[in-house]
Amino acid sequence: MTDSTENQPEQDPRQEKFIVDTELLTEDQLLGLVEEYCTRYHGLNDTENPMGEQSRVMSAVRRGDLVVWFDPVENTAGLGVPG
């Protein structure tokens, strides 16, 4: 028997998502990511005012509870929990 992972090619590390230091982003870029996060995650939860969560989400980013992930394959960024 052979290990099934033995014959699989390794993933190119340049294609892996990575965390972006928020100090490298402008306030407008960070605010855009926060707004996108609020509308995507809070807007789907029947929240009457998903944008009302902006200050809480921004605080979570400042504390490091949420981080900015960049996906080089998709060329997109978004907020998520640290890995």
PDB file of N, CA and C in Angstrom:
ATOM      1  N   MET A   1       0.833  -1.182   0.000  1.00  0.00           N
ATOM      2  CA  MET A   1       0.000   0.000   0.000  1.00  0.00           C
ATOM      3  C   MET A   1       0.876   1.244   0.000  1.00  0.00           C
ATOM      4  N   THR A   2       0.422   2.246  -0.695  1.00  0.00           N
ATOM      5  CA  THR A   2       1.152   3.509  -0.714  1.00  0.00           C
ATOM      6  C   THR A   2       0.299   4.595  -0.101  1.00  0.00           C
ATOM      7  N   ASP A   3       0.962   5.566   0.427  1.00  0.00           N
ATOM      8  CA  ASP A   3       0.275   6.713   1.015  1.00  0.00           C
ATOM      9  C   ASP A   3      -0.276   7.579  -0.110  1.00  0.00           C
ATOM     10  N   SER A   4      -1.557   7.936  -0.045  1.00  0.00           N
ATOM     11  CA  SER A   4      -2.178   8.705  -1.126  1.00  0.00           C
ATOM     12  C   SER A   4      -1.605  10.109  -1.251  1.00  0.00           C
ATOM     13  N   THR A   5      -1.016  10.629  -0.193  1.00  0.00           N
ATOM     14  CA  THR A   5      -0.425  11.974  -0.270  1.00  0.00           C
ATOM     15  C   THR A   5       0.945  11.938  -0.930  1.00  0.00           C
ATOM     16  N   GLU A   6       1.503  10.745  -1.088  1.00  0.00           N
ATOM     17  CA  GLU A   6       2.832  10.591  -1.654  1.00  0.00           C
ATOM     18  C   GLU A   6       2.908  11.089  -3.096  1.00  0.00           C
ATOM     19  N   ASN A   7       1.854  10.875  -3.862  1.00  0.00           N
ATOM     20  CA  ASN A   7       1.852  11.212  -5.281  1.00  0.00           C
ATOM     21  C   ASN A   7       1.214  12.555  -5.594  1.00  0.00           C
ATOM     22  N   GLN A   8       0.766  13.279  -4.568  1.00  0.00           N
ATOM     23  CA  GLN A   8       0.127  14.564  -4.803  1.00  0.00           C
ATOM     24  C   GLN A   8       1.182  15.671  -4.810  1.00  0.00           C
ATOM     25  N   PRO A   9       1.095  16.584  -5.792  1.00  0.00           N
ATOM     26  CA  PRO A   9       2.070  17.681  -5.814  1.00  0.00           C
ATOM     27  C   PRO A   9       1.867  18.604  -4.617  1.00  0.00           C
ATOM     28  N   GLU A  10       2.971  19.173  -4.145  1.00  0.00           N
ATOM     29  CA  GLU A  10       2.886  20.125  -3.038  1.00  0.00           C
ATOM     30  C   GLU A  10       2.303  21.434  -3.544  1.00  0.00           C
ATOM     31  N   GLN A  11       1.543  22.108  -2.672  1.00  0.00           N
ATOM     32  CA  GLN A  11       0.956  23.392  -3.052  1.00  0.00           C
ATOM     33  C   GLN A  11       2.054  24.447  -3.083  1.00  0.00           C
ATOM     34  N   ASP A  12       1.991  25.294  -4.077  1.00  0.00           N
ATOM     35  CA  ASP A  12       2.945  26.388  -4.207  1.00  0.00           C
ATOM     36  C   ASP A  12       2.734  27.368  -3.054  1.00  0.00           C
ATOM     37  N   PRO A  13       3.750  27.612  -2.223  1.00  0.00           N
ATOM     38  CA  PRO A  13       3.564  28.522  -1.079  1.00  0.00           C
ATOM     39  C   PRO A  13       3.192  29.937  -1.494  1.00  0.00           C
ATOM     40  N   ARG A  14       3.472  30.305  -2.726  1.00  0.00           N
ATOM     41  CA  ARG A  14       3.089  31.636  -3.208  1.00  0.00           C
ATOM     42  C   ARG A  14       1.590  31.742  -3.435  1.00  0.00           C
ATOM     43  N   GLN A  15       0.884  30.619  -3.385  1.00  0.00           N
ATOM     44  CA  GLN A  15      -0.556  30.615  -3.601  1.00  0.00           C
ATOM     45  C   GLN A  15      -1.335  30.501  -2.294  1.00  0.00           C
ATOM     46  N   GLU A  16      -0.647  30.461  -1.176  1.00  0.00           N
ATOM     47  CA  GLU A  16      -1.315  30.334   0.116  1.00  0.00           C
ATOM     48  C   GLU A  16      -1.741  31.696   0.638  1.00  0.00           C
ATOM     49  N   LYS A  17      -2.896  31.712   1.310  1.00  0.00           N
ATOM     50  CA  LYS A  17      -3.367  32.951   1.939  1.00  0.00           C
ATOM     51  C   LYS A  17      -2.394  33.355   3.034  1.00  0.00           C
ATOM     52  N   PHE A  18      -2.280  34.660   3.243  1.00  0.00           N
ATOM     53  CA  PHE A  18      -1.434  35.146   4.323  1.00  0.00           C
ATOM     54  C   PHE A  18      -2.059  36.363   4.978  1.00  0.00           C
ATOM     55  N   ILE A  19      -1.614  36.622   6.210  1.00  0.00           N
ATOM     56  CA  ILE A  19      -2.136  37.744   6.990  1.00  0.00           C
ATOM     57  C   ILE A  19      -1.364  39.005   6.625  1.00  0.00           C
ATOM     58  N   VAL A  20      -2.105  40.087   6.414  1.00  0.00           N
ATOM     59  CA  VAL A  20      -1.512  41.384   6.102  1.00  0.00           C
ATOM     60  C   VAL A  20      -1.520  42.235   7.370  1.00  0.00           C
ATOM     61  N   ASP A  21      -0.400  42.829   7.684  1.00  0.00           N
ATOM     62  CA  ASP A  21      -0.296  43.728   8.835  1.00  0.00           C
ATOM     63  C   ASP A  21      -1.181  44.943   8.581  1.00  0.00           C
ATOM     64  N   THR A  22      -2.098  45.218   9.487  1.00  0.00           N
ATOM     65  CA  THR A  22      -3.031  46.332   9.294  1.00  0.00           C
ATOM     66  C   THR A  22      -2.320  47.676   9.242  1.00  0.00           C
ATOM     67  N   GLU A  23      -1.102  47.756   9.766  1.00  0.00           N
ATOM     68  CA  GLU A  23      -0.332  48.998   9.703  1.00  0.00           C
ATOM     69  C   GLU A  23       0.028  49.354   8.257  1.00  0.00           C
ATOM     70  N   LEU A  24      -0.005  48.381   7.363  1.00  0.00           N
ATOM     71  CA  LEU A  24       0.332  48.612   5.959  1.00  0.00           C
ATOM     72  C   LEU A  24      -0.857  49.110   5.138  1.00  0.00           C
ATOM     73  N   LEU A  25      -2.037  49.129   5.748  1.00  0.00           N
ATOM     74  CA  LEU A  25      -3.249  49.543   5.037  1.00  0.00           C
ATOM     75  C   LEU A  25      -3.658  50.950   5.454  1.00  0.00           C
ATOM     76  N   THR A  26      -4.288  51.653   4.520  1.00  0.00           N
ATOM     77  CA  THR A  26      -4.828  52.968   4.850  1.00  0.00           C
ATOM     78  C   THR A  26      -6.104  52.785   5.654  1.00  0.00           C
ATOM     79  N   GLU A  27      -6.526  53.831   6.320  1.00  0.00           N
ATOM     80  CA  GLU A  27      -7.768  53.789   7.092  1.00  0.00           C
ATOM     81  C   GLU A  27      -8.962  53.496   6.178  1.00  0.00           C
ATOM     82  N   ASP A  28      -8.951  54.069   4.966  1.00  0.00           N
ATOM     83  CA  ASP A  28     -10.035  53.821   4.007  1.00  0.00           C
ATOM     84  C   ASP A  28     -10.085  52.346   3.582  1.00  0.00           C
ATOM     85  N   GLN A  29      -8.920  51.744   3.363  1.00  0.00           N
ATOM     86  CA  GLN A  29      -8.885  50.332   2.991  1.00  0.00           C
ATOM     87  C   GLN A  29      -9.426  49.460   4.120  1.00  0.00           C
ATOM     88  N   LEU A  30      -9.017  49.768   5.333  1.00  0.00           N
ATOM     89  CA  LEU A  30      -9.482  49.017   6.494  1.00  0.00           C
ATOM     90  C   LEU A  30     -10.998  49.180   6.676  1.00  0.00           C
ATOM     91  N   LEU A  31     -11.474  50.401   6.518  1.00  0.00           N
ATOM     92  CA  LEU A  31     -12.906  50.661   6.645  1.00  0.00           C
ATOM     93  C   LEU A  31     -13.691  49.888   5.579  1.00  0.00           C
ATOM     94  N   GLY A  32     -13.168  49.816   4.372  1.00  0.00           N
ATOM     95  CA  GLY A  32     -13.824  49.056   3.310  1.00  0.00           C
ATOM     96  C   GLY A  32     -13.927  47.573   3.656  1.00  0.00           C
ATOM     97  N   LEU A  33     -12.869  47.021   4.236  1.00  0.00           N
ATOM     98  CA  LEU A  33     -12.894  45.618   4.648  1.00  0.00           C
ATOM     99  C   LEU A  33     -13.887  45.398   5.788  1.00  0.00           C
ATOM    100  N   VAL A  34     -13.951  46.354   6.710  1.00  0.00           N
ATOM    101  CA  VAL A  34     -14.898  46.265   7.827  1.00  0.00           C
ATOM    102  C   VAL A  34     -16.330  46.324   7.291  1.00  0.00           C
ATOM    103  N   GLU A  35     -16.602  47.239   6.363  1.00  0.00           N
ATOM    104  CA  GLU A  35     -17.948  47.358   5.784  1.00  0.00           C
ATOM    105  C   GLU A  35     -18.342  46.081   5.056  1.00  0.00           C
ATOM    106  N   GLU A  36     -17.409  45.521   4.303  1.00  0.00           N
ATOM    107  CA  GLU A  36     -17.677  44.280   3.573  1.00  0.00           C
ATOM    108  C   GLU A  36     -17.966  43.151   4.555  1.00  0.00           C
ATOM    109  N   TYR A  37     -17.209  43.093   5.629  1.00  0.00           N
ATOM    110  CA  TYR A  37     -17.416  42.062   6.653  1.00  0.00           C
ATOM    111  C   TYR A  37     -18.800  42.219   7.300  1.00  0.00           C
ATOM    112  N   CYS A  38     -19.148  43.444   7.619  1.00  0.00           N
ATOM    113  CA  CYS A  38     -20.453  43.691   8.260  1.00  0.00           C
ATOM    114  C   CYS A  38     -21.604  43.304   7.354  1.00  0.00           C
ATOM    115  N   THR A  39     -21.547  43.675   6.100  1.00  0.00           N
ATOM    116  CA  THR A  39     -22.652  43.354   5.200  1.00  0.00           C
ATOM    117  C   THR A  39     -22.701  41.870   4.877  1.00  0.00           C
ATOM    118  N   ARG A  40     -21.557  41.232   4.806  1.00  0.00           N
ATOM    119  CA  ARG A  40     -21.530  39.810   4.474  1.00  0.00           C
ATOM    120  C   ARG A  40     -21.974  38.953   5.649  1.00  0.00           C
ATOM    121  N   TYR A  41     -21.414  39.183   6.816  1.00  0.00           N
ATOM    122  CA  TYR A  41     -21.670  38.294   7.943  1.00  0.00           C
ATOM    123  C   TYR A  41     -22.843  38.739   8.810  1.00  0.00           C
ATOM    124  N   HIS A  42     -22.935  40.001   9.105  1.00  0.00           N
ATOM    125  CA  HIS A  42     -24.035  40.463   9.948  1.00  0.00           C
ATOM    126  C   HIS A  42     -25.305  40.665   9.132  1.00  0.00           C
ATOM    127  N   GLY A  43     -25.165  41.030   7.875  1.00  0.00           N
ATOM    128  CA  GLY A  43     -26.329  41.245   7.019  1.00  0.00           C
ATOM    129  C   GLY A  43     -27.087  39.964   6.733  1.00  0.00           C
ATOM    130  N   LEU A  44     -26.411  38.817   6.838  1.00  0.00           N
ATOM    131  CA  LEU A  44     -27.054  37.537   6.594  1.00  0.00           C
ATOM    132  C   LEU A  44     -27.762  36.994   7.824  1.00  0.00           C
ATOM    133  N   ASN A  45     -27.568  37.638   8.945  1.00  0.00           N
ATOM    134  CA  ASN A  45     -28.141  37.148  10.200  1.00  0.00           C
ATOM    135  C   ASN A  45     -29.407  37.895  10.587  1.00  0.00           C
ATOM    136  N   ASP A  46     -30.105  38.434   9.612  1.00  0.00           N
ATOM    137  CA  ASP A  46     -31.333  39.187   9.865  1.00  0.00           C
ATOM    138  C   ASP A  46     -31.106  40.343  10.829  1.00  0.00           C
ATOM    139  N   THR A  47     -29.914  40.910  10.792  1.00  0.00           N
ATOM    140  CA  THR A  47     -29.613  42.082  11.600  1.00  0.00           C
ATOM    141  C   THR A  47     -30.250  43.278  10.926  1.00  0.00           C
ATOM    142  N   GLU A  48     -31.000  44.040  11.677  1.00  0.00           N
ATOM    143  CA  GLU A  48     -31.713  45.173  11.103  1.00  0.00           C
ATOM    144  C   GLU A  48     -30.748  46.205  10.524  1.00  0.00           C
ATOM    145  N   ASN A  49     -29.648  46.461  11.225  1.00  0.00           N
ATOM    146  CA  ASN A  49     -28.683  47.453  10.770  1.00  0.00           C
ATOM    147  C   ASN A  49     -27.277  46.849  10.826  1.00  0.00           C
ATOM    148  N   PRO A  50     -26.882  46.074   9.794  1.00  0.00           N
ATOM    149  CA  PRO A  50     -25.570  45.432   9.839  1.00  0.00           C
ATOM    150  C   PRO A  50     -24.414  46.430   9.928  1.00  0.00           C
ATOM    151  N   MET A  51     -24.605  47.632   9.388  1.00  0.00           N
ATOM    152  CA  MET A  51     -23.524  48.618   9.437  1.00  0.00           C
ATOM    153  C   MET A  51     -23.345  49.183  10.850  1.00  0.00           C
ATOM    154  N   GLY A  52     -24.304  48.936  11.723  1.00  0.00           N
ATOM    155  CA  GLY A  52     -24.185  49.349  13.110  1.00  0.00           C
ATOM    156  C   GLY A  52     -23.120  48.553  13.852  1.00  0.00           C
ATOM    157  N   GLU A  53     -22.642  47.489  13.245  1.00  0.00           N
ATOM    158  CA  GLU A  53     -21.606  46.646  13.846  1.00  0.00           C
ATOM    159  C   GLU A  53     -20.189  47.122  13.517  1.00  0.00           C
ATOM    160  N   GLN A  54     -20.072  48.170  12.721  1.00  0.00           N
ATOM    161  CA  GLN A  54     -18.755  48.620  12.262  1.00  0.00           C
ATOM    162  C   GLN A  54     -17.783  48.898  13.396  1.00  0.00           C
ATOM    163  N   SER A  55     -18.220  49.586  14.428  1.00  0.00           N
ATOM    164  CA  SER A  55     -17.290  49.942  15.505  1.00  0.00           C
ATOM    165  C   SER A  55     -16.819  48.691  16.238  1.00  0.00           C
ATOM    166  N   ARG A  56     -17.712  47.727  16.440  1.00  0.00           N
ATOM    167  CA  ARG A  56     -17.305  46.477  17.101  1.00  0.00           C
ATOM    168  C   ARG A  56     -16.322  45.688  16.247  1.00  0.00           C
ATOM    169  N   VAL A  57     -16.572  45.646  14.943  1.00  0.00           N
ATOM    170  CA  VAL A  57     -15.689  44.911  14.042  1.00  0.00           C
ATOM    171  C   VAL A  57     -14.327  45.599  13.968  1.00  0.00           C
ATOM    172  N   MET A  58     -14.317  46.927  13.858  1.00  0.00           N
ATOM    173  CA  MET A  58     -13.052  47.649  13.803  1.00  0.00           C
ATOM    174  C   MET A  58     -12.267  47.440  15.102  1.00  0.00           C
ATOM    175  N   SER A  59     -12.945  47.432  16.240  1.00  0.00           N
ATOM    176  CA  SER A  59     -12.280  47.168  17.514  1.00  0.00           C
ATOM    177  C   SER A  59     -11.664  45.773  17.528  1.00  0.00           C
ATOM    178  N   ALA A  60     -12.367  44.807  16.963  1.00  0.00           N
ATOM    179  CA  ALA A  60     -11.843  43.438  16.886  1.00  0.00           C
ATOM    180  C   ALA A  60     -10.592  43.382  16.015  1.00  0.00           C
ATOM    181  N   VAL A  61     -10.569  44.174  14.939  1.00  0.00           N
ATOM    182  CA  VAL A  61      -9.386  44.237  14.076  1.00  0.00           C
ATOM    183  C   VAL A  61      -8.224  44.869  14.846  1.00  0.00           C
ATOM    184  N   ARG A  62      -8.485  45.937  15.546  1.00  0.00           N
ATOM    185  CA  ARG A  62      -7.435  46.634  16.316  1.00  0.00           C
ATOM    186  C   ARG A  62      -6.847  45.728  17.409  1.00  0.00           C
ATOM    187  N   ARG A  63      -7.699  44.891  18.019  1.00  0.00           N
ATOM    188  CA  ARG A  63      -7.247  43.971  19.072  1.00  0.00           C
ATOM    189  C   ARG A  63      -6.547  42.741  18.501  1.00  0.00           C
ATOM    190  N   GLY A  64      -6.767  42.461  17.222  1.00  0.00           N
ATOM    191  CA  GLY A  64      -6.191  41.267  16.617  1.00  0.00           C
ATOM    192  C   GLY A  64      -7.110  40.055  16.664  1.00  0.00           C
ATOM    193  N   ASP A  65      -8.371  40.264  17.106  1.00  0.00           N
ATOM    194  CA  ASP A  65      -9.341  39.170  17.108  1.00  0.00           C
ATOM    195  C   ASP A  65      -9.780  38.829  15.690  1.00  0.00           C
ATOM    196  N   LEU A  66      -9.739  39.819  14.808  1.00  0.00           N
ATOM    197  CA  LEU A  66      -9.944  39.634  13.370  1.00  0.00           C
ATOM    198  C   LEU A  66      -8.699  40.148  12.669  1.00  0.00           C
ATOM    199  N   VAL A  67      -8.286  39.459  11.619  1.00  0.00           N
ATOM    200  CA  VAL A  67      -7.107  39.868  10.858  1.00  0.00           C
ATOM    201  C   VAL A  67      -7.472  40.008   9.384  1.00  0.00           C
ATOM    202  N   VAL A  68      -6.604  40.649   8.640  1.00  0.00           N
ATOM    203  CA  VAL A  68      -6.792  40.803   7.197  1.00  0.00           C
ATOM    204  C   VAL A  68      -6.066  39.656   6.503  1.00  0.00           C
ATOM    205  N   TRP A  69      -6.829  38.844   5.803  1.00  0.00           N
ATOM    206  CA  TRP A  69      -6.265  37.759   5.008  1.00  0.00           C
ATOM    207  C   TRP A  69      -6.204  38.194   3.552  1.00  0.00           C
ATOM    208  N   PHE A  70      -5.093  37.879   2.877  1.00  0.00           N
ATOM    209  CA  PHE A  70      -4.976  38.144   1.440  1.00  0.00           C
ATOM    210  C   PHE A  70      -4.826  36.822   0.717  1.00  0.00           C
ATOM    211  N   ASP A  71      -5.611  36.649  -0.337  1.00  0.00           N
ATOM    212  CA  ASP A  71      -5.561  35.451  -1.163  1.00  0.00           C
ATOM    213  C   ASP A  71      -4.902  35.819  -2.491  1.00  0.00           C
ATOM    214  N   PRO A  72      -3.632  35.419  -2.696  1.00  0.00           N
ATOM    215  CA  PRO A  72      -2.933  35.806  -3.932  1.00  0.00           C
ATOM    216  C   PRO A  72      -3.493  35.143  -5.184  1.00  0.00           C
ATOM    217  N   VAL A  73      -4.153  34.013  -5.047  1.00  0.00           N
ATOM    218  CA  VAL A  73      -4.732  33.331  -6.206  1.00  0.00           C
ATOM    219  C   VAL A  73      -5.937  34.120  -6.712  1.00  0.00           C
ATOM    220  N   GLU A  74      -6.812  34.525  -5.781  1.00  0.00           N
ATOM    221  CA  GLU A  74      -8.013  35.281  -6.130  1.00  0.00           C
ATOM    222  C   GLU A  74      -7.757  36.778  -6.192  1.00  0.00           C
ATOM    223  N   ASN A  75      -6.611  37.204  -5.652  1.00  0.00           N
ATOM    224  CA  ASN A  75      -6.259  38.628  -5.559  1.00  0.00           C
ATOM    225  C   ASN A  75      -7.320  39.401  -4.779  1.00  0.00           C
ATOM    226  N   THR A  76      -7.727  38.818  -3.639  1.00  0.00           N
ATOM    227  CA  THR A  76      -8.746  39.433  -2.787  1.00  0.00           C
ATOM    228  C   THR A  76      -8.266  39.449  -1.345  1.00  0.00           C
ATOM    229  N   ALA A  77      -8.854  40.369  -0.583  1.00  0.00           N
ATOM    230  CA  ALA A  77      -8.567  40.459   0.840  1.00  0.00           C
ATOM    231  C   ALA A  77      -9.897  40.454   1.589  1.00  0.00           C
ATOM    232  N   GLY A  78      -9.849  40.011   2.830  1.00  0.00           N
ATOM    233  CA  GLY A  78     -11.037  40.010   3.659  1.00  0.00           C
ATOM    234  C   GLY A  78     -10.648  39.795   5.102  1.00  0.00           C
ATOM    235  N   LEU A  79     -11.585  40.034   5.985  1.00  0.00           N
ATOM    236  CA  LEU A  79     -11.353  39.842   7.413  1.00  0.00           C
ATOM    237  C   LEU A  79     -11.724  38.425   7.816  1.00  0.00           C
ATOM    238  N   GLY A  80     -10.978  37.907   8.771  1.00  0.00           N
ATOM    239  CA  GLY A  80     -11.273  36.579   9.298  1.00  0.00           C
ATOM    240  C   GLY A  80     -10.522  36.374  10.597  1.00  0.00           C
ATOM    241  N   VAL A  81     -10.768  35.238  11.203  1.00  0.00           N
ATOM    242  CA  VAL A  81     -10.086  34.935  12.467  1.00  0.00           C
ATOM    243  C   VAL A  81      -8.650  34.501  12.172  1.00  0.00           C
ATOM    244  N   PRO A  82      -7.737  34.807  13.078  1.00  0.00           N
ATOM    245  CA  PRO A  82      -6.349  34.367  12.865  1.00  0.00           C
ATOM    246  C   PRO A  82      -6.268  32.847  12.844  1.00  0.00           C
ATOM    247  N   GLY A  83      -5.364  32.336  12.060  1.00  0.00           N
ATOM    248  CA  GLY A  83      -5.223  30.882  11.914  1.00  0.00           C
ATOM    249  C   GLY A  83      -4.251  30.348  12.823  1.00  0.00           C
TER     250      GLY A  83
END
